[in-house]
Amino acid sequence: MANDNKSEHVQPTQDSIETAYTDILRFIGEDPEREGLLRTPHRVAEAMKFLTRGYGQDVDKILNGAVFQEEYDDMVIVKDIEFYSLCEHHLLPFFGKAHVAYIPNGKIVGLSKIPRLVDMFSRRLQVQERLTKDIAEALETALEPRGVAVVIEGMHMCMMMRGVEKQQATMITSHVRGAFRDDHRSRQEFMAYIKGNGR
């Protein structure tokens, strides 16, 4: 009979993470015992917990009963939402602004919840394309709106500090669903607002 036992994932401890960063300091030629670096592994481990705290969050808890019945059927936009994330390829930061819109279909969500959704998904190891889609799909599932649109503008340290070293390049990603995909006018209106032309 085949062995159906699966190996269990062992959760690393704080000490093991600090040991790993101590080894990294040695690998790059530093002395982890010198005064300025004595607590660096501890600080970095704490920082990584904070920067990836989105893994411990889920959409239901983020929304926390803040979805309301409301007969409003025009576009809702929250723009210029600051975000900070870590690129999963190099563990270097990328950051910028997210613009999120939806067209309600009998449900709206509390204003602060959209930035919280952006934060939850950005505080994971990400690529910008997936981050954009994650936000849109979560909002669509929670609200079942007529349409959802997300545009993210990001600057990537993995391209600024290393590699091609281009300082001004901005990556723009979009994901549209429902009415925003089917109705050119809705998509145009959204883009005009986030560019500041729809005020």
C-alpha atoms as a PDB file:
ATOM      1  CA  MET A   1       0.000   0.000   0.000  1.00  0.00           C
ATOM      2  CA  ALA A   2       1.311   3.452  -0.882  1.00  0.00           C
ATOM      3  CA  ASN A   3       2.267   5.715   1.985  1.00  0.00           C
ATOM      4  CA  ASP A   4      -0.313   8.532   2.091  1.00  0.00           C
ATOM      5  CA  ASN A   5       1.493  10.468   4.820  1.00  0.00           C
ATOM      6  CA  LYS A   6       2.483  13.959   3.654  1.00  0.00           C
ATOM      7  CA  SER A   7       5.431  15.792   5.116  1.00  0.00           C
ATOM      8  CA  GLU A   8       4.275  18.597   7.390  1.00  0.00           C
ATOM      9  CA  HIS A   9       5.390  22.143   6.790  1.00  0.00           C
ATOM     10  CA  VAL A  10       7.533  23.263   9.723  1.00  0.00           C
ATOM     11  CA  GLN A  11       6.865  26.871  10.688  1.00  0.00           C
ATOM     12  CA  PRO A  12      10.189  28.651  11.220  1.00  0.00           C
ATOM     13  CA  THR A  13      10.707  30.267  14.590  1.00  0.00           C
ATOM     14  CA  GLN A  14      11.860  33.806  15.250  1.00  0.00           C
ATOM     15  CA  ASP A  15      15.257  32.401  16.281  1.00  0.00           C
ATOM     16  CA  SER A  16      15.658  30.434  13.048  1.00  0.00           C
ATOM     17  CA  ILE A  17      14.820  33.512  10.957  1.00  0.00           C
ATOM     18  CA  GLU A  18      17.341  35.594  12.907  1.00  0.00           C
ATOM     19  CA  THR A  19      19.964  32.881  12.405  1.00  0.00           C
ATOM     20  CA  ALA A  20      19.310  32.946   8.655  1.00  0.00           C
ATOM     21  CA  TYR A  21      19.863  36.703   8.517  1.00  0.00           C
ATOM     22  CA  THR A  22      23.026  36.340  10.597  1.00  0.00           C
ATOM     23  CA  ASP A  23      24.291  33.890   7.980  1.00  0.00           C
ATOM     24  CA  ILE A  24      23.366  36.338   5.198  1.00  0.00           C
ATOM     25  CA  LEU A  25      25.416  39.065   6.883  1.00  0.00           C
ATOM     26  CA  ARG A  26      28.411  36.709   6.991  1.00  0.00           C
ATOM     27  CA  PHE A  27      27.821  35.701   3.347  1.00  0.00           C
ATOM     28  CA  ILE A  28      28.084  39.310   2.134  1.00  0.00           C
ATOM     29  CA  GLY A  29      31.326  39.796   4.079  1.00  0.00           C
ATOM     30  CA  GLU A  30      30.030  41.559   7.181  1.00  0.00           C
ATOM     31  CA  ASP A  31      30.681  40.839  10.853  1.00  0.00           C
ATOM     32  CA  PRO A  32      27.349  40.202  12.619  1.00  0.00           C
ATOM     33  CA  GLU A  33      29.138  40.656  15.954  1.00  0.00           C
ATOM     34  CA  ARG A  34      30.060  44.291  15.413  1.00  0.00           C
ATOM     35  CA  GLU A  35      28.063  46.812  17.401  1.00  0.00           C
ATOM     36  CA  GLY A  36      25.953  48.249  14.592  1.00  0.00           C
ATOM     37  CA  LEU A  37      24.811  44.801  13.428  1.00  0.00           C
ATOM     38  CA  LEU A  38      24.256  43.009  16.747  1.00  0.00           C
ATOM     39  CA  ARG A  39      20.473  43.386  16.652  1.00  0.00           C
ATOM     40  CA  THR A  40      20.077  43.682  12.882  1.00  0.00           C
ATOM     41  CA  PRO A  41      18.894  40.067  12.375  1.00  0.00           C
ATOM     42  CA  HIS A  42      16.220  40.636  15.029  1.00  0.00           C
ATOM     43  CA  ARG A  43      15.124  43.920  13.461  1.00  0.00           C
ATOM     44  CA  VAL A  44      14.989  42.440   9.959  1.00  0.00           C
ATOM     45  CA  ALA A  45      12.942  39.453  11.152  1.00  0.00           C
ATOM     46  CA  GLU A  46      10.462  41.828  12.799  1.00  0.00           C
ATOM     47  CA  ALA A  47      10.367  43.997   9.677  1.00  0.00           C
ATOM     48  CA  MET A  48       9.650  40.982   7.461  1.00  0.00           C
ATOM     49  CA  LYS A  49       6.750  39.967   9.713  1.00  0.00           C
ATOM     50  CA  PHE A  50       5.311  43.458   9.331  1.00  0.00           C
ATOM     51  CA  LEU A  51       5.932  43.713   5.587  1.00  0.00           C
ATOM     52  CA  THR A  52       4.276  40.342   4.914  1.00  0.00           C
ATOM     53  CA  ARG A  53       1.451  40.548   7.450  1.00  0.00           C
ATOM     54  CA  GLY A  54      -1.093  40.194   4.643  1.00  0.00           C
ATOM     55  CA  TYR A  55      -0.633  36.422   4.778  1.00  0.00           C
ATOM     56  CA  GLY A  56      -2.374  36.439   8.153  1.00  0.00           C
ATOM     57  CA  GLN A  57      -5.376  38.418   6.894  1.00  0.00           C
ATOM     58  CA  ASP A  58      -8.400  37.514   4.820  1.00  0.00           C
ATOM     59  CA  VAL A  59     -11.074  39.422   2.942  1.00  0.00           C
ATOM     60  CA  ASP A  60     -13.956  38.542   5.288  1.00  0.00           C
ATOM     61  CA  LYS A  61     -12.130  39.891   8.319  1.00  0.00           C
ATOM     62  CA  ILE A  62     -11.011  42.991   6.441  1.00  0.00           C
ATOM     63  CA  LEU A  63     -14.572  43.816   5.362  1.00  0.00           C
ATOM     64  CA  ASN A  64     -15.911  42.866   8.814  1.00  0.00           C
ATOM     65  CA  GLY A  65     -19.606  43.518   8.192  1.00  0.00           C
ATOM     66  CA  ALA A  66     -19.009  46.748   6.258  1.00  0.00           C
ATOM     67  CA  VAL A  67     -20.979  45.672   3.167  1.00  0.00           C
ATOM     68  CA  PHE A  68     -24.295  47.529   3.059  1.00  0.00           C
ATOM     69  CA  GLN A  69     -27.451  47.306   0.973  1.00  0.00           C
ATOM     70  CA  GLU A  70     -27.810  50.546  -0.977  1.00  0.00           C
ATOM     71  CA  GLU A  71     -29.632  51.362  -4.196  1.00  0.00           C
ATOM     72  CA  TYR A  72     -26.831  53.402  -5.709  1.00  0.00           C
ATOM     73  CA  ASP A  73     -25.795  52.450  -9.209  1.00  0.00           C
ATOM     74  CA  ASP A  74     -23.239  55.048 -10.301  1.00  0.00           C
ATOM     75  CA  MET A  75     -19.486  54.625 -10.241  1.00  0.00           C
ATOM     76  CA  VAL A  76     -17.602  54.614  -6.924  1.00  0.00           C
ATOM     77  CA  ILE A  77     -13.891  55.432  -7.165  1.00  0.00           C
ATOM     78  CA  VAL A  78     -11.160  55.487  -4.546  1.00  0.00           C
ATOM     79  CA  LYS A  79      -7.981  56.762  -6.156  1.00  0.00           C
ATOM     80  CA  ASP A  80      -4.390  57.483  -5.136  1.00  0.00           C
ATOM     81  CA  ILE A  81      -4.265  54.694  -2.530  1.00  0.00           C
ATOM     82  CA  GLU A  82      -0.631  54.416  -1.471  1.00  0.00           C
ATOM     83  CA  PHE A  83       0.765  50.894  -1.337  1.00  0.00           C
ATOM     84  CA  TYR A  84       4.076  49.228  -0.496  1.00  0.00           C
ATOM     85  CA  SER A  85       4.898  45.669  -1.436  1.00  0.00           C
ATOM     86  CA  LEU A  86       7.824  43.288  -1.913  1.00  0.00           C
ATOM     87  CA  CYS A  87       8.657  41.839  -5.310  1.00  0.00           C
ATOM     88  CA  GLU A  88       8.696  38.055  -5.019  1.00  0.00           C
ATOM     89  CA  HIS A  89      11.617  37.769  -7.443  1.00  0.00           C
ATOM     90  CA  HIS A  90      14.224  39.798  -5.517  1.00  0.00           C
ATOM     91  CA  LEU A  91      12.490  40.672  -2.205  1.00  0.00           C
ATOM     92  CA  LEU A  92      12.996  44.333  -3.029  1.00  0.00           C
ATOM     93  CA  PRO A  93      10.222  46.913  -2.525  1.00  0.00           C
ATOM     94  CA  PHE A  94       7.861  48.211  -5.132  1.00  0.00           C
ATOM     95  CA  PHE A  95       5.445  50.970  -4.300  1.00  0.00           C
ATOM     96  CA  GLY A  96       3.062  53.482  -5.794  1.00  0.00           C
ATOM     97  CA  LYS A  97      -0.642  54.190  -6.075  1.00  0.00           C
ATOM     98  CA  ALA A  98      -3.712  52.046  -6.647  1.00  0.00           C
ATOM     99  CA  HIS A  99      -6.957  53.329  -8.155  1.00  0.00           C
ATOM    100  CA  VAL A 100     -10.053  51.215  -7.534  1.00  0.00           C
ATOM    101  CA  ALA A 101     -13.585  51.601  -8.902  1.00  0.00           C
ATOM    102  CA  TYR A 102     -16.778  49.610  -8.841  1.00  0.00           C
ATOM    103  CA  ILE A 103     -20.336  50.064 -10.090  1.00  0.00           C
ATOM    104  CA  PRO A 104     -22.686  48.844  -7.338  1.00  0.00           C
ATOM    105  CA  ASN A 105     -25.440  46.341  -7.900  1.00  0.00           C
ATOM    106  CA  GLY A 106     -27.369  46.844  -4.654  1.00  0.00           C
ATOM    107  CA  LYS A 107     -24.322  46.706  -2.339  1.00  0.00           C
ATOM    108  CA  ILE A 108     -21.682  49.218  -1.293  1.00  0.00           C
ATOM    109  CA  VAL A 109     -18.680  48.856   0.988  1.00  0.00           C
ATOM    110  CA  GLY A 110     -17.362  51.146   3.731  1.00  0.00           C
ATOM    111  CA  LEU A 111     -14.864  53.663   2.351  1.00  0.00           C
ATOM    112  CA  SER A 112     -11.872  52.565   4.454  1.00  0.00           C
ATOM    113  CA  LYS A 113     -12.251  48.936   3.416  1.00  0.00           C
ATOM    114  CA  ILE A 114     -10.958  49.411  -0.125  1.00  0.00           C
ATOM    115  CA  PRO A 115      -7.564  50.778   1.027  1.00  0.00           C
ATOM    116  CA  ARG A 116      -7.463  47.953   3.582  1.00  0.00           C
ATOM    117  CA  LEU A 117      -7.945  45.403   0.782  1.00  0.00           C
ATOM    118  CA  VAL A 118      -5.109  47.037  -1.144  1.00  0.00           C
ATOM    119  CA  ASP A 119      -2.906  46.845   1.966  1.00  0.00           C
ATOM    120  CA  MET A 120      -3.777  43.196   2.640  1.00  0.00           C
ATOM    121  CA  PHE A 121      -2.746  41.999  -0.815  1.00  0.00           C
ATOM    122  CA  SER A 122       0.268  44.302  -1.082  1.00  0.00           C
ATOM    123  CA  ARG A 123       1.662  43.044   2.241  1.00  0.00           C
ATOM    124  CA  ARG A 124       2.510  39.720   0.625  1.00  0.00           C
ATOM    125  CA  LEU A 125       5.257  38.750  -1.790  1.00  0.00           C
ATOM    126  CA  GLN A 126       3.817  39.938  -5.070  1.00  0.00           C
ATOM    127  CA  VAL A 127       4.157  40.773  -8.707  1.00  0.00           C
ATOM    128  CA  GLN A 128       2.240  43.878  -9.722  1.00  0.00           C
ATOM    129  CA  GLU A 129       0.130  42.034 -12.276  1.00  0.00           C
ATOM    130  CA  ARG A 130      -1.197  39.590  -9.663  1.00  0.00           C
ATOM    131  CA  LEU A 131      -1.686  42.321  -7.073  1.00  0.00           C
ATOM    132  CA  THR A 132      -3.917  44.207  -9.509  1.00  0.00           C
ATOM    133  CA  LYS A 133      -6.000  41.120 -10.230  1.00  0.00           C
ATOM    134  CA  ASP A 134      -6.209  40.032  -6.564  1.00  0.00           C
ATOM    135  CA  ILE A 135      -7.784  43.350  -5.538  1.00  0.00           C
ATOM    136  CA  ALA A 136     -10.319  43.291  -8.371  1.00  0.00           C
ATOM    137  CA  GLU A 137     -11.362  39.679  -7.782  1.00  0.00           C
ATOM    138  CA  ALA A 138     -11.754  40.179  -4.018  1.00  0.00           C
ATOM    139  CA  LEU A 139     -13.997  43.198  -4.525  1.00  0.00           C
ATOM    140  CA  GLU A 140     -16.045  41.403  -7.170  1.00  0.00           C
ATOM    141  CA  THR A 141     -16.578  38.385  -4.904  1.00  0.00           C
ATOM    142  CA  ALA A 142     -17.542  40.511  -1.902  1.00  0.00           C
ATOM    143  CA  LEU A 143     -19.931  42.948  -3.628  1.00  0.00           C
ATOM    144  CA  GLU A 144     -21.091  41.208  -6.819  1.00  0.00           C
ATOM    145  CA  PRO A 145     -21.092  44.618  -8.517  1.00  0.00           C
ATOM    146  CA  ARG A 146     -21.929  45.433 -12.112  1.00  0.00           C
ATOM    147  CA  GLY A 147     -18.243  46.061 -12.715  1.00  0.00           C
ATOM    148  CA  VAL A 148     -14.829  46.463 -11.073  1.00  0.00           C
ATOM    149  CA  ALA A 149     -11.722  48.250 -12.310  1.00  0.00           C
ATOM    150  CA  VAL A 150      -8.267  48.473 -10.753  1.00  0.00           C
ATOM    151  CA  VAL A 151      -5.264  50.399 -12.051  1.00  0.00           C
ATOM    152  CA  ILE A 152      -1.914  50.315 -10.271  1.00  0.00           C
ATOM    153  CA  GLU A 153       1.057  52.582 -10.927  1.00  0.00           C
ATOM    154  CA  GLY A 154       4.240  51.176  -9.399  1.00  0.00           C
ATOM    155  CA  MET A 155       7.929  51.922  -9.161  1.00  0.00           C
ATOM    156  CA  HIS A 156      10.164  48.906  -8.637  1.00  0.00           C
ATOM    157  CA  MET A 157      13.409  49.020  -6.687  1.00  0.00           C
ATOM    158  CA  CYS A 158      14.528  45.825  -8.433  1.00  0.00           C
ATOM    159  CA  MET A 159      14.696  47.908 -11.608  1.00  0.00           C
ATOM    160  CA  MET A 160      15.960  51.097  -9.954  1.00  0.00           C
ATOM    161  CA  MET A 161      18.698  49.756  -7.657  1.00  0.00           C
ATOM    162  CA  ARG A 162      19.945  46.847  -9.789  1.00  0.00           C
ATOM    163  CA  GLY A 163      19.606  45.462 -13.290  1.00  0.00           C
ATOM    164  CA  VAL A 164      18.858  48.227 -15.787  1.00  0.00           C
ATOM    165  CA  GLU A 165      18.946  50.928 -13.056  1.00  0.00           C
ATOM    166  CA  LYS A 166      16.213  53.089 -14.567  1.00  0.00           C
ATOM    167  CA  GLN A 167      15.045  55.637 -12.011  1.00  0.00           C
ATOM    168  CA  GLN A 168      11.955  57.138 -13.631  1.00  0.00           C
ATOM    169  CA  ALA A 169      10.281  54.087 -15.164  1.00  0.00           C
ATOM    170  CA  THR A 170       6.755  53.442 -13.903  1.00  0.00           C
ATOM    171  CA  MET A 171       4.847  50.208 -14.441  1.00  0.00           C
ATOM    172  CA  ILE A 172       1.085  50.519 -14.994  1.00  0.00           C
ATOM    173  CA  THR A 173      -1.217  47.509 -14.736  1.00  0.00           C
ATOM    174  CA  SER A 174      -4.995  47.300 -15.034  1.00  0.00           C
ATOM    175  CA  HIS A 175      -7.682  44.716 -14.497  1.00  0.00           C
ATOM    176  CA  VAL A 176     -11.292  45.351 -15.488  1.00  0.00           C
ATOM    177  CA  ARG A 177     -14.320  43.140 -15.054  1.00  0.00           C
ATOM    178  CA  GLY A 178     -18.022  43.287 -15.878  1.00  0.00           C
ATOM    179  CA  ALA A 179     -19.311  46.665 -17.046  1.00  0.00           C
ATOM    180  CA  PHE A 180     -15.821  48.139 -17.230  1.00  0.00           C
ATOM    181  CA  ARG A 181     -14.817  45.450 -19.708  1.00  0.00           C
ATOM    182  CA  ASP A 182     -18.052  45.556 -21.707  1.00  0.00           C
ATOM    183  CA  ASP A 183     -18.800  49.290 -21.699  1.00  0.00           C
ATOM    184  CA  HIS A 184     -16.176  51.523 -23.268  1.00  0.00           C
ATOM    185  CA  ARG A 185     -17.783  54.658 -21.755  1.00  0.00           C
ATOM    186  CA  SER A 186     -17.512  53.360 -18.183  1.00  0.00           C
ATOM    187  CA  ARG A 187     -13.874  52.522 -18.710  1.00  0.00           C
ATOM    188  CA  GLN A 188     -13.210  55.954 -20.226  1.00  0.00           C
ATOM    189  CA  GLU A 189     -14.958  57.700 -17.333  1.00  0.00           C
ATOM    190  CA  PHE A 190     -12.857  55.795 -14.804  1.00  0.00           C
ATOM    191  CA  MET A 191      -9.626  56.637 -16.612  1.00  0.00           C
ATOM    192  CA  ALA A 192     -10.611  60.309 -16.847  1.00  0.00           C
ATOM    193  CA  TYR A 193     -11.218  60.482 -13.104  1.00  0.00           C
ATOM    194  CA  ILE A 194      -7.939  58.882 -12.103  1.00  0.00           C
ATOM    195  CA  LYS A 195      -6.071  61.195 -14.475  1.00  0.00           C
ATOM    196  CA  GLY A 196      -7.807  64.177 -12.871  1.00  0.00           C
ATOM    197  CA  ASN A 197      -9.819  65.026 -15.972  1.00  0.00           C
ATOM    198  CA  GLY A 198     -13.190  63.962 -14.610  1.00  0.00           C
ATOM    199  CA  ARG A 199     -13.444  66.392 -11.725  1.00  0.00           C
END
